[in-house]
Amino acid sequence: MGQDRDIANIVQRLKERALASPWVPVGVPPQQHYHIFPNGLSICFTLDILPEARYWHLSIARMSSGPTAEEVEFWPRAFFEELPTIEVPFQILELPSKHFHWRAE
């Protein structure tokens, strides 16, 4: 039960930060949009402002090995009930990651 509450708090905090500071996706998002776990997993959540649309953007990464299949399955559902609009595997330099986008209304 405590772990569920911790996860809900992380998701809520990242959603509030994304709403308070929408981001034009150029470069690396500010550190306030990240949560880094002791096991090296990093999640980043932003509200991306593009010329034609706005998207919620969740990225999941781990420095050496990338996120596990379980983490890739779990974290998008922790943020939204519906499936992402776009799902992209991506590697930034040496950082294997997975990115999920949901269209924001």
Protein backbone atom coordinates (compact mmCIF):
# COMPACT_ATOMS: atom_id res chain seq x y z
CA MET A 1 0.00 0.00 0.00
CA GLY A 2 2.82 2.43 0.85
CA GLN A 3 4.48 1.81 -2.52
CA ASP A 4 1.21 2.59 -4.34
CA ARG A 5 0.98 5.87 -2.43
CA ASP A 6 4.61 6.71 -3.28
CA ILE A 7 3.97 6.05 -6.97
CA ALA A 8 0.79 8.14 -6.93
CA ASN A 9 2.73 10.99 -5.28
CA ILE A 10 5.50 10.83 -7.89
CA VAL A 11 2.98 10.85 -10.75
CA GLN A 12 0.98 13.71 -9.21
CA ARG A 13 4.10 15.80 -8.57
CA LEU A 14 5.40 15.31 -12.14
CA LYS A 15 1.97 16.12 -13.64
CA GLU A 16 1.75 19.32 -11.57
CA ARG A 17 5.25 20.38 -12.66
CA ALA A 18 4.43 19.67 -16.31
CA LEU A 19 1.27 21.81 -16.12
CA ALA A 20 3.07 24.62 -14.29
CA SER A 21 5.98 24.66 -16.77
CA PRO A 22 5.00 23.52 -20.27
CA TRP A 23 8.04 22.83 -22.41
CA VAL A 24 8.98 23.51 -26.02
CA PRO A 25 10.91 20.32 -26.81
CA VAL A 26 14.38 21.61 -27.67
CA GLY A 27 17.37 20.17 -25.82
CA VAL A 28 16.97 18.49 -22.44
CA PRO A 29 14.01 19.27 -20.15
CA PRO A 30 14.77 21.05 -16.86
CA GLN A 31 15.60 18.78 -13.92
CA GLN A 32 12.26 19.59 -12.24
CA HIS A 33 10.54 17.29 -14.76
CA TYR A 34 12.55 14.21 -13.68
CA HIS A 35 12.32 11.60 -10.98
CA ILE A 36 15.36 9.36 -10.57
CA PHE A 37 15.01 6.17 -8.55
CA PRO A 38 17.78 4.54 -6.48
CA ASN A 39 17.96 1.66 -9.01
CA GLY A 40 18.99 4.12 -11.76
CA LEU A 41 15.62 4.34 -13.49
CA SER A 42 14.80 7.86 -14.61
CA ILE A 43 11.35 9.06 -15.63
CA CYS A 44 10.67 12.45 -17.17
CA PHE A 45 7.21 13.92 -17.73
CA THR A 46 6.52 17.11 -19.69
CA LEU A 47 3.72 18.90 -21.46
CA ASP A 48 5.30 19.46 -24.88
CA ILE A 49 4.17 22.54 -26.77
CA LEU A 50 4.48 22.03 -30.53
CA PRO A 51 3.35 24.41 -33.31
CA GLU A 52 0.23 22.38 -34.13
CA ALA A 53 -0.49 20.42 -30.94
CA ARG A 54 0.28 19.77 -27.29
CA TYR A 55 1.39 16.36 -26.06
CA TRP A 56 2.01 14.82 -22.68
CA HIS A 57 5.43 13.18 -22.97
CA LEU A 58 6.72 10.45 -20.67
CA SER A 59 10.26 9.16 -21.10
CA ILE A 60 11.65 6.17 -19.23
CA ALA A 61 15.40 5.51 -19.21
CA ARG A 62 18.25 3.79 -17.42
CA MET A 63 21.87 4.64 -18.12
CA SER A 64 23.40 1.26 -18.91
CA SER A 65 20.74 -1.31 -19.68
CA GLY A 66 17.66 0.74 -20.47
CA PRO A 67 14.28 0.25 -18.78
CA THR A 68 12.99 -3.28 -18.22
CA ALA A 69 9.94 -4.62 -20.03
CA GLU A 70 8.02 -4.42 -16.75
CA GLU A 71 8.92 -0.74 -16.28
CA VAL A 72 7.94 0.06 -19.88
CA GLU A 73 4.61 -1.68 -19.27
CA PHE A 74 3.99 -0.14 -15.82
CA TRP A 75 4.83 3.57 -16.03
CA PRO A 76 2.59 4.68 -18.91
CA ARG A 77 -0.39 3.13 -17.08
CA ALA A 78 0.63 4.93 -13.88
CA PHE A 79 0.16 8.26 -15.71
CA PHE A 80 -2.86 7.56 -17.95
CA GLU A 81 -5.57 4.93 -18.30
CA GLU A 82 -5.60 5.11 -22.09
CA LEU A 83 -2.89 3.85 -24.41
CA PRO A 84 -0.40 6.44 -25.64
CA THR A 85 -1.03 8.13 -28.98
CA ILE A 86 2.61 7.61 -29.97
CA GLU A 87 5.23 5.18 -28.60
CA VAL A 88 8.87 5.60 -29.63
CA PRO A 89 12.00 3.66 -28.67
CA PHE A 90 14.86 6.13 -28.59
CA GLN A 91 18.46 6.42 -27.52
CA ILE A 92 19.98 9.73 -26.52
CA LEU A 93 23.76 9.38 -26.60
CA GLU A 94 24.38 6.37 -24.36
CA LEU A 95 20.98 6.51 -22.66
CA PRO A 96 18.57 3.82 -23.92
CA SER A 97 15.03 5.04 -23.38
CA LYS A 98 11.40 4.68 -24.35
CA HIS A 99 9.09 7.62 -25.02
CA PHE A 100 5.30 7.81 -24.83
CA HIS A 101 3.06 10.67 -26.00
CA TRP A 102 -0.59 11.38 -25.34
CA ARG A 103 -2.38 14.20 -27.11
CA ALA A 104 -3.28 16.93 -24.61
CA GLU A 105 -6.62 18.68 -25.03
